[in-house]
Amino acid sequence: MGIVETRDETQANNPLHGITLEQMVKRLVGHLGWKDLGERIAIRCFTSDPSIKSSLKFLRKTPWARKKVEALYLAAIVKQKRLGRTKRRSSSRSGSEKGSGE
């Protein structure tokens, strides 16, 4: 049981825990598009007749490319989530401040 607890503690700090490579690629394509994705990570599976299937096949066999996708995912998607939370917090604060001044 101690091993499982340690593993869970380690994964609790991993922002990629529970996110599949397919989910990462689909969200990056949805967020950036194939063209921009291919410019940011210059690999042929993103630039020459790109598809989710061919990209996944290449990324699963190529650890250095997968690491680049994971890093870009963290930078683009997770950062966007954090910014969204910050905007929601600041807008709810400004709303409560307006209400208290009236």
C-alpha atoms as a PDB file:
ATOM      1  CA  MET A   1       0.000   0.000   0.000  1.00  0.00           C
ATOM      2  CA  GLY A   2       2.847   2.424   0.694  1.00  0.00           C
ATOM      3  CA  ILE A   3       3.912   2.238  -2.954  1.00  0.00           C
ATOM      4  CA  VAL A   4       0.459   3.224  -4.187  1.00  0.00           C
ATOM      5  CA  GLU A   5       0.292   6.185  -1.809  1.00  0.00           C
ATOM      6  CA  THR A   6       3.711   7.411  -2.936  1.00  0.00           C
ATOM      7  CA  ARG A   7       2.728   7.047  -6.570  1.00  0.00           C
ATOM      8  CA  ASP A   8      -0.501   9.011  -6.022  1.00  0.00           C
ATOM      9  CA  GLU A   9       1.424  11.776  -4.263  1.00  0.00           C
ATOM     10  CA  THR A  10       3.853  11.990  -7.180  1.00  0.00           C
ATOM     11  CA  GLN A  11       1.049  12.099  -9.741  1.00  0.00           C
ATOM     12  CA  ALA A  12      -0.835  14.761  -7.794  1.00  0.00           C
ATOM     13  CA  ASN A  13       1.865  17.235  -8.844  1.00  0.00           C
ATOM     14  CA  ASN A  14       1.953  16.058 -12.472  1.00  0.00           C
ATOM     15  CA  PRO A  15      -0.226  18.334 -14.634  1.00  0.00           C
ATOM     16  CA  LEU A  16      -0.219  15.700 -17.405  1.00  0.00           C
ATOM     17  CA  HIS A  17      -1.576  12.937 -15.157  1.00  0.00           C
ATOM     18  CA  GLY A  18      -4.656  11.389 -16.752  1.00  0.00           C
ATOM     19  CA  ILE A  19      -4.225  13.191 -20.081  1.00  0.00           C
ATOM     20  CA  THR A  20      -3.551  10.937 -23.051  1.00  0.00           C
ATOM     21  CA  LEU A  21      -1.262  11.799 -25.925  1.00  0.00           C
ATOM     22  CA  GLU A  22      -4.302  11.778 -28.214  1.00  0.00           C
ATOM     23  CA  GLN A  23      -6.069  14.325 -26.001  1.00  0.00           C
ATOM     24  CA  MET A  24      -2.976  16.546 -26.047  1.00  0.00           C
ATOM     25  CA  VAL A  25      -2.651  16.459 -29.837  1.00  0.00           C
ATOM     26  CA  LYS A  26      -6.365  17.077 -30.406  1.00  0.00           C
ATOM     27  CA  ARG A  27      -6.422  20.039 -28.015  1.00  0.00           C
ATOM     28  CA  LEU A  28      -3.262  21.527 -29.527  1.00  0.00           C
ATOM     29  CA  VAL A  29      -4.693  21.182 -33.033  1.00  0.00           C
ATOM     30  CA  GLY A  30      -7.952  22.730 -31.851  1.00  0.00           C
ATOM     31  CA  HIS A  31      -6.116  25.548 -30.095  1.00  0.00           C
ATOM     32  CA  LEU A  32      -3.355  26.248 -32.637  1.00  0.00           C
ATOM     33  CA  GLY A  33      -4.292  24.464 -35.861  1.00  0.00           C
ATOM     34  CA  TRP A  34      -1.978  22.162 -37.827  1.00  0.00           C
ATOM     35  CA  LYS A  35      -0.100  25.028 -39.483  1.00  0.00           C
ATOM     36  CA  ASP A  36       0.889  26.771 -36.259  1.00  0.00           C
ATOM     37  CA  LEU A  37       1.577  23.458 -34.529  1.00  0.00           C
ATOM     38  CA  GLY A  38       3.933  22.505 -37.377  1.00  0.00           C
ATOM     39  CA  GLU A  39       5.698  25.864 -37.093  1.00  0.00           C
ATOM     40  CA  ARG A  40       6.184  25.480 -33.343  1.00  0.00           C
ATOM     41  CA  ILE A  41       7.271  21.828 -33.515  1.00  0.00           C
ATOM     42  CA  ALA A  42       8.877  21.215 -36.899  1.00  0.00           C
ATOM     43  CA  ILE A  43       8.128  17.553 -37.524  1.00  0.00           C
ATOM     44  CA  ARG A  44       6.654  16.184 -40.742  1.00  0.00           C
ATOM     45  CA  CYS A  45       3.656  14.531 -39.099  1.00  0.00           C
ATOM     46  CA  PHE A  46       2.426  18.075 -38.319  1.00  0.00           C
ATOM     47  CA  THR A  47       3.404  19.725 -41.610  1.00  0.00           C
ATOM     48  CA  SER A  48       2.959  17.189 -44.401  1.00  0.00           C
ATOM     49  CA  ASP A  49      -0.605  15.845 -44.763  1.00  0.00           C
ATOM     50  CA  PRO A  50      -1.174  15.907 -40.988  1.00  0.00           C
ATOM     51  CA  SER A  51      -3.641  13.680 -39.192  1.00  0.00           C
ATOM     52  CA  ILE A  52      -4.212  12.664 -35.596  1.00  0.00           C
ATOM     53  CA  LYS A  53      -3.544   9.017 -36.430  1.00  0.00           C
ATOM     54  CA  SER A  54      -0.191   9.588 -38.173  1.00  0.00           C
ATOM     55  CA  SER A  55       0.916  12.045 -35.492  1.00  0.00           C
ATOM     56  CA  LEU A  56       0.136   9.617 -32.688  1.00  0.00           C
ATOM     57  CA  LYS A  57       1.966   6.802 -34.467  1.00  0.00           C
ATOM     58  CA  PHE A  58       5.108   8.957 -34.816  1.00  0.00           C
ATOM     59  CA  LEU A  59       4.947  10.489 -31.336  1.00  0.00           C
ATOM     60  CA  ARG A  60       4.539   7.108 -29.633  1.00  0.00           C
ATOM     61  CA  LYS A  61       7.742   5.889 -31.299  1.00  0.00           C
ATOM     62  CA  THR A  62       9.747   9.097 -30.840  1.00  0.00           C
ATOM     63  CA  PRO A  63      10.333  10.161 -27.222  1.00  0.00           C
ATOM     64  CA  TRP A  64      12.027  13.496 -28.045  1.00  0.00           C
ATOM     65  CA  ALA A  65       9.072  14.576 -30.187  1.00  0.00           C
ATOM     66  CA  ARG A  66       6.569  13.489 -27.558  1.00  0.00           C
ATOM     67  CA  LYS A  67       8.418  15.580 -24.961  1.00  0.00           C
ATOM     68  CA  LYS A  68       8.143  18.619 -27.225  1.00  0.00           C
ATOM     69  CA  VAL A  69       4.396  18.068 -27.599  1.00  0.00           C
ATOM     70  CA  GLU A  70       4.001  17.655 -23.832  1.00  0.00           C
ATOM     71  CA  ALA A  71       5.978  20.856 -23.189  1.00  0.00           C
ATOM     72  CA  LEU A  72       3.933  22.814 -25.727  1.00  0.00           C
ATOM     73  CA  TYR A  73       0.708  21.406 -24.295  1.00  0.00           C
ATOM     74  CA  LEU A  74       1.693  22.537 -20.828  1.00  0.00           C
ATOM     75  CA  ALA A  75       2.708  25.961 -22.059  1.00  0.00           C
ATOM     76  CA  ALA A  76      -0.366  26.544 -24.241  1.00  0.00           C
ATOM     77  CA  ILE A  77      -3.246  24.692 -22.623  1.00  0.00           C
ATOM     78  CA  VAL A  78      -2.469  24.567 -18.919  1.00  0.00           C
ATOM     79  CA  LYS A  79      -1.326  28.192 -18.947  1.00  0.00           C
ATOM     80  CA  GLN A  80      -4.578  29.142 -20.682  1.00  0.00           C
ATOM     81  CA  LYS A  81      -6.569  27.397 -17.939  1.00  0.00           C
ATOM     82  CA  ARG A  82      -4.683  29.279 -15.249  1.00  0.00           C
ATOM     83  CA  LEU A  83      -5.281  32.588 -17.004  1.00  0.00           C
ATOM     84  CA  GLY A  84      -8.967  31.777 -17.280  1.00  0.00           C
ATOM     85  CA  ARG A  85      -9.170  31.143 -13.542  1.00  0.00           C
ATOM     86  CA  THR A  86      -7.343  34.369 -12.800  1.00  0.00           C
ATOM     87  CA  LYS A  87      -9.689  36.366 -15.055  1.00  0.00           C
ATOM     88  CA  ARG A  88     -12.756  34.811 -13.419  1.00  0.00           C
ATOM     89  CA  ARG A  89     -11.428  35.603  -9.946  1.00  0.00           C
ATOM     90  CA  SER A  90     -10.576  39.193 -10.796  1.00  0.00           C
ATOM     91  CA  SER A  91     -13.932  39.791 -12.514  1.00  0.00           C
ATOM     92  CA  SER A  92     -15.826  38.346  -9.546  1.00  0.00           C
ATOM     93  CA  ARG A  93     -13.800  40.525  -7.180  1.00  0.00           C
ATOM     94  CA  SER A  94     -14.448  43.650  -9.196  1.00  0.00           C
ATOM     95  CA  GLY A  95     -18.145  42.792  -9.235  1.00  0.00           C
ATOM     96  CA  SER A  96     -18.252  42.462  -5.454  1.00  0.00           C
ATOM     97  CA  GLU A  97     -16.311  45.698  -5.042  1.00  0.00           C
ATOM     98  CA  LYS A  98     -18.820  47.561  -7.213  1.00  0.00           C
ATOM     99  CA  GLY A  99     -21.678  46.171  -5.172  1.00  0.00           C
ATOM    100  CA  SER A 100     -20.152  47.247  -1.859  1.00  0.00           C
ATOM    101  CA  GLY A 101     -19.565  50.820  -3.022  1.00  0.00           C
ATOM    102  CA  GLU A 102     -23.155  51.458  -4.090  1.00  0.00           C
END
